[in-house]
Protein backbone atom coordinates (compact mmCIF):
# COMPACT_ATOMS: atom_id res chain seq x y z
CA MET A 1 43.29 28.17 2.45
CA ALA A 2 45.40 31.33 2.03
CA ARG A 3 48.00 31.35 -0.71
CA ARG A 4 51.56 31.29 0.60
CA PRO A 5 54.58 33.23 -0.73
CA VAL A 6 57.28 31.70 -2.86
CA LYS A 7 59.64 31.39 0.11
CA ALA A 8 57.52 28.37 1.04
CA LEU A 9 58.25 26.81 -2.36
CA ASP A 10 60.65 24.14 -1.11
CA LYS A 11 58.19 22.95 1.51
CA ALA A 12 55.32 22.96 -0.97
CA ILE A 13 57.36 21.04 -3.52
CA ARG A 14 58.15 18.38 -0.94
CA ARG A 15 54.46 18.06 -0.14
CA ARG A 16 53.52 18.14 -3.79
CA SER A 17 55.87 15.27 -4.48
CA LEU A 18 53.65 13.15 -2.25
CA PHE A 19 50.47 14.02 -4.13
CA GLY A 20 51.63 14.55 -7.71
CA GLY A 21 50.91 17.56 -9.89
CA SER A 22 52.87 20.69 -10.60
CA LEU A 23 53.40 24.16 -9.18
CA LEU A 24 53.23 27.54 -10.84
CA ALA A 25 54.59 30.72 -9.22
CA VAL A 26 53.51 34.21 -10.29
CA GLY A 27 54.56 37.72 -9.30
CA GLY A 28 57.87 39.47 -8.83
CA ALA A 29 60.83 38.32 -6.80
CA GLY A 30 59.97 37.95 -3.16
CA THR A 31 56.29 38.61 -3.76
CA GLY A 32 55.25 35.68 -5.89
CA LEU A 33 52.35 33.39 -4.99
CA LEU A 34 51.74 29.74 -5.66
CA ILE A 35 48.49 29.90 -7.60
CA ASP A 36 47.57 26.31 -6.98
CA GLU A 37 48.38 26.32 -3.28
CA LEU A 38 44.61 26.15 -2.72
CA LEU A 39 44.90 22.57 -3.92
CA VAL A 40 47.63 21.63 -1.44
CA PRO A 41 46.18 20.89 2.03
CA GLU A 42 48.24 21.51 5.16
CA ARG A 43 47.50 17.88 6.01
CA PRO A 44 46.70 15.13 3.54
CA PRO A 45 42.97 14.38 3.58
CA PRO A 46 41.92 10.97 4.90
CA LEU A 47 41.11 8.34 2.32
CA ASP A 48 38.27 7.13 4.49
CA GLY A 49 36.14 8.39 7.33
CA GLY A 50 34.08 11.55 7.48
CA TYR A 51 30.41 11.95 6.73
CA ALA A 52 30.74 11.99 2.94
CA ALA A 53 33.72 9.78 2.20
CA ALA A 54 33.46 7.78 -1.01
CA ALA A 55 36.39 5.51 -0.15
CA ASP A 56 35.29 4.16 3.21
CA GLN A 57 35.09 0.46 4.15
CA LEU A 58 35.64 -0.64 0.57
CA GLY A 59 36.05 -4.24 1.63
CA ARG A 60 32.30 -4.41 2.30
CA LEU A 61 31.35 -3.68 -1.31
CA THR A 62 29.99 -6.54 -3.36
CA HIS A 63 29.09 -4.60 -6.52
CA GLY A 64 31.35 -2.92 -9.02
CA GLY A 65 29.66 0.46 -9.15
CA VAL A 66 26.47 2.45 -9.33
CA ARG A 67 24.65 4.26 -12.13
CA ILE A 68 23.16 7.71 -11.55
CA HIS A 69 20.19 8.55 -13.75
CA TYR A 70 19.07 12.06 -14.58
CA ARG A 71 17.31 11.03 -17.78
CA ALA A 72 17.38 8.27 -20.37
CA GLU A 73 19.33 8.59 -23.60
CA THR A 74 16.56 7.89 -26.09
CA ASP A 75 14.74 9.43 -29.01
CA ALA A 76 11.60 7.50 -28.13
CA LYS A 77 8.81 9.67 -26.77
CA VAL A 78 8.75 8.07 -23.34
CA ILE A 79 8.66 9.83 -19.96
CA ALA A 80 8.87 8.62 -16.36
CA LEU A 81 6.70 10.28 -13.73
CA THR A 82 8.02 10.00 -10.18
CA PHE A 83 6.47 10.90 -6.83
CA ASP A 84 8.43 11.34 -3.60
CA ASP A 85 7.82 11.25 0.15
CA GLY A 86 4.70 9.10 0.49
CA PRO A 87 2.62 7.30 1.26
CA LYS A 88 0.25 9.53 3.23
CA PRO A 89 -3.55 9.63 3.56
CA ASP A 90 -5.55 12.12 1.47
CA TRP A 91 -2.69 12.52 -0.98
CA THR A 92 -1.24 9.26 -2.24
CA PRO A 93 -4.61 7.58 -2.99
CA ARG A 94 -5.70 10.55 -5.08
CA PHE A 95 -2.54 10.42 -7.18
CA LEU A 96 -3.01 6.68 -7.63
CA ASP A 97 -6.62 7.29 -8.72
CA VAL A 98 -5.52 9.66 -11.49
CA LEU A 99 -2.81 7.28 -12.68
CA ASP A 100 -5.23 4.34 -12.65
CA GLU A 101 -7.82 6.30 -14.63
CA ALA A 102 -5.20 7.18 -17.26
CA ASP A 103 -3.60 3.71 -17.20
CA VAL A 104 -0.19 5.29 -16.60
CA PRO A 105 2.68 3.77 -14.59
CA ALA A 106 4.86 5.80 -12.26
CA THR A 107 7.67 5.34 -9.76
CA PHE A 108 7.01 6.12 -6.11
CA PHE A 109 10.05 6.83 -3.93
CA LEU A 110 8.83 5.84 -0.49
CA VAL A 111 9.85 7.16 2.91
CA GLY A 112 10.16 4.11 5.14
CA LYS A 113 8.55 5.69 8.19
CA ASN A 114 5.52 6.74 6.15
CA LEU A 115 5.26 3.32 4.55
CA VAL A 116 5.19 1.50 7.89
CA GLU A 117 2.47 3.86 9.17
CA HIS A 118 0.33 3.81 6.01
CA ALA A 119 1.10 0.57 4.18
CA ASP A 120 -2.61 -0.12 3.67
CA LEU A 121 -2.82 2.81 1.25
CA LEU A 122 -0.67 0.91 -1.27
CA ARG A 123 -2.08 -2.56 -0.82
CA GLY A 124 -3.39 -3.82 -4.15
CA ARG A 125 -2.58 -0.53 -5.90
CA LEU A 126 0.95 -0.98 -7.17
CA ASP A 127 0.44 -3.40 -10.05
CA ARG A 128 1.64 -1.02 -12.77
CA HIS A 129 3.95 1.04 -10.59
CA GLU A 130 7.53 0.84 -9.35
CA VAL A 131 8.68 1.60 -5.81
CA GLY A 132 12.05 3.02 -4.79
CA ASN A 133 13.89 3.85 -1.58
CA HIS A 134 13.75 7.46 -0.36
CA SER A 135 15.30 6.89 3.10
CA TRP A 136 13.62 6.11 6.41
CA SER A 137 12.92 9.62 7.69
CA HIS A 138 13.72 11.89 4.73
CA ALA A 139 17.12 12.65 6.28
CA ASP A 140 19.75 14.62 4.41
CA LEU A 141 21.94 11.63 3.59
CA ALA A 142 24.81 13.82 2.40
CA THR A 143 25.44 14.81 6.03
CA LEU A 144 25.61 11.24 7.32
CA ASP A 145 28.49 8.81 7.46
CA LEU A 146 28.28 5.44 5.75
CA ALA A 147 26.76 3.68 8.77
CA GLY A 148 24.09 6.36 9.06
CA VAL A 149 23.18 6.19 5.38
CA ARG A 150 23.04 2.42 5.42
CA ASN A 151 20.72 2.49 8.42
CA GLN A 152 18.35 4.88 6.62
CA LEU A 153 18.33 2.84 3.41
CA GLU A 154 18.35 -0.66 4.88
CA SER A 155 15.43 0.06 7.20
CA THR A 156 13.40 1.37 4.28
CA HIS A 157 14.46 -1.48 2.02
CA ASP A 158 13.25 -4.02 4.57
CA ALA A 159 9.95 -2.14 5.00
CA ILE A 160 9.36 -2.06 1.24
CA VAL A 161 9.98 -5.79 0.93
CA LYS A 162 7.73 -6.56 3.90
CA HIS A 163 4.80 -4.30 3.03
CA THR A 164 4.79 -4.34 -0.79
CA GLY A 165 6.40 -7.66 -1.67
CA ARG A 166 8.79 -5.76 -3.95
CA THR A 167 12.58 -5.63 -3.85
CA PRO A 168 13.57 -2.07 -4.77
CA THR A 169 16.53 -1.48 -7.08
CA LEU A 170 16.47 2.32 -7.09
CA MET A 171 17.08 4.92 -4.42
CA ARG A 172 16.64 8.68 -4.53
CA PRO A 173 18.45 10.84 -1.97
CA PRO A 174 16.18 13.38 -0.26
CA TYR A 175 16.65 16.90 -1.64
CA GLY A 176 18.87 15.41 -4.35
CA HIS A 177 21.81 15.75 -1.94
CA LEU A 178 24.37 13.16 -2.88
CA GLY A 179 27.48 12.54 -0.77
CA GLY A 180 30.12 9.90 -1.20
CA SER A 181 28.75 7.89 1.70
CA THR A 182 25.39 7.69 -0.11
CA VAL A 183 27.08 6.41 -3.25
CA LEU A 184 28.92 3.75 -1.25
CA ALA A 185 25.74 2.66 0.50
CA ALA A 186 23.96 2.41 -2.85
CA VAL A 187 26.78 0.35 -4.30
CA GLY A 188 26.76 -1.95 -1.30
CA MET A 189 23.03 -2.54 -1.65
CA GLY A 190 23.04 -2.95 -5.43
CA TYR A 191 20.99 0.20 -6.01
CA ASP A 192 21.04 2.60 -8.91
CA ILE A 193 20.51 6.26 -7.98
CA ALA A 194 17.58 8.03 -9.64
CA LEU A 195 17.64 11.81 -9.75
CA TRP A 196 15.54 13.77 -12.25
CA THR A 197 15.53 15.81 -15.43
CA ARG A 198 13.21 18.46 -14.04
CA SER A 199 10.74 18.98 -11.25
CA VAL A 200 7.23 20.36 -11.43
CA ASN A 201 7.32 24.03 -10.50
CA GLU A 202 4.79 24.38 -7.72
CA ARG A 203 5.74 27.95 -6.83
CA VAL A 204 5.55 29.40 -10.32
CA PHE A 205 2.21 27.70 -10.98
CA ALA A 206 0.71 28.08 -7.50
CA GLY A 207 -3.04 27.72 -7.94
CA ASP A 208 -2.65 27.33 -11.72
CA SER A 209 -2.99 23.65 -12.54
CA ALA A 210 -3.82 24.38 -16.17
CA GLY A 211 -0.66 26.45 -16.54
CA MET A 212 1.48 23.73 -15.01
CA ALA A 213 -0.02 21.09 -17.29
CA ALA A 214 0.55 23.22 -20.39
CA ASP A 215 4.13 23.98 -19.36
CA LEU A 216 4.98 20.32 -18.81
CA ALA A 217 3.39 19.22 -22.08
CA GLU A 218 5.38 21.86 -23.97
CA THR A 219 8.77 21.53 -22.31
CA LEU A 220 9.34 17.85 -21.55
CA HIS A 221 11.56 15.84 -23.87
CA PRO A 222 12.02 12.14 -24.66
CA GLY A 223 13.68 10.30 -21.80
CA SER A 224 12.73 12.86 -19.14
CA ILE A 225 12.38 11.86 -15.49
CA VAL A 226 9.88 14.17 -13.80
CA LEU A 227 10.00 14.87 -10.06
CA ALA A 228 6.75 15.52 -8.17
CA HIS A 229 5.50 14.78 -4.65
CA ASP A 230 2.50 12.90 -3.31
CA VAL A 231 3.03 14.33 0.19
CA GLY A 232 3.52 17.85 1.46
CA HIS A 233 1.97 21.25 1.96
CA LYS A 234 -1.34 22.17 0.32
CA GLY A 235 0.42 24.14 -2.39
CA ARG A 236 1.62 20.87 -3.84
CA LEU A 237 -1.94 19.92 -4.67
CA VAL A 238 -1.53 22.04 -7.80
CA THR A 239 0.41 19.06 -9.15
CA LEU A 240 -2.50 16.75 -8.45
CA GLY A 241 -4.84 19.14 -10.24
CA ALA A 242 -2.46 19.35 -13.20
CA LEU A 243 -1.84 15.61 -13.50
CA PRO A 244 -4.84 14.58 -15.67
CA ALA A 245 -4.25 17.41 -18.19
CA THR A 246 -0.48 16.82 -18.15
CA ILE A 247 -0.96 13.15 -19.05
CA ALA A 248 -3.57 13.96 -21.69
CA GLY A 249 -1.41 16.68 -23.22
CA LEU A 250 1.65 14.46 -23.44
CA LYS A 251 -0.35 11.57 -24.87
CA ALA A 252 -1.73 13.95 -27.52
CA LYS A 253 1.88 14.66 -28.52
CA GLY A 254 2.58 10.96 -28.91
CA TYR A 255 4.23 10.32 -25.55
CA SER A 256 3.89 7.19 -23.48
CA PHE A 257 4.90 6.57 -19.89
CA ALA A 258 7.19 4.12 -18.11
CA THR A 259 8.68 3.49 -14.71
CA VAL A 260 12.20 4.78 -14.18
CA SER A 261 13.68 1.28 -14.46
CA GLU A 262 11.80 0.65 -17.69
CA LEU A 263 12.85 4.02 -19.08
CA VAL A 264 16.57 3.68 -18.43
CA ALA A 265 16.52 0.08 -19.65
CA GLY A 266 15.43 1.37 -23.04
């Protein structure tokens, strides 16, 4: 919004009295500007409605709030590995094989559509692992209104319960895009939101699994939540190649592994 001259001061003050706050004018007589006019909308914004509103349909909420996790506050040498977007053939089983061989738990944030199509890939393979909600179709939830977000999350929640026998308590928004409507949907469903401390860098270490493993072993810290993917383009297979050495390197430094829920619970 363009800044308006001081001659609009009376009007701005009247508006400001509705919203609170103060005004500060700068410049000489007749040429001054209201430096915080950028904060004064021509029309008051709606308290609800819109694709990202965080104050929409509050009467539907049954929980007091939501926690957003980027990492755990701990000095213990514990790390959570997370994998997004699955399950898919050729990928997810190979990640599960590595984790089984190393006896390491992880958290898989499932896309509902993929789960319904490939539920057999997870059958009997989730004993040590946690599953979370990653939307139905990997939609950008931050561009959806509350009804749209709820549809994405509820459909996936129901699919997870049906096909895994688990009731998820975590969701992760695709792309890490987090709008107010997503927060409200998470609150309404009793979810915590799991983001991440850092992601594996597939571009920097393209074709260099050993380099990725060494980097992760050197740079991760206690309480880290690591983002990786068990679905995607072939370049992401560098993560699969790096996974055994990453786990071995971190174990050699005294680290252990936990699901996200275990990690943030301390």
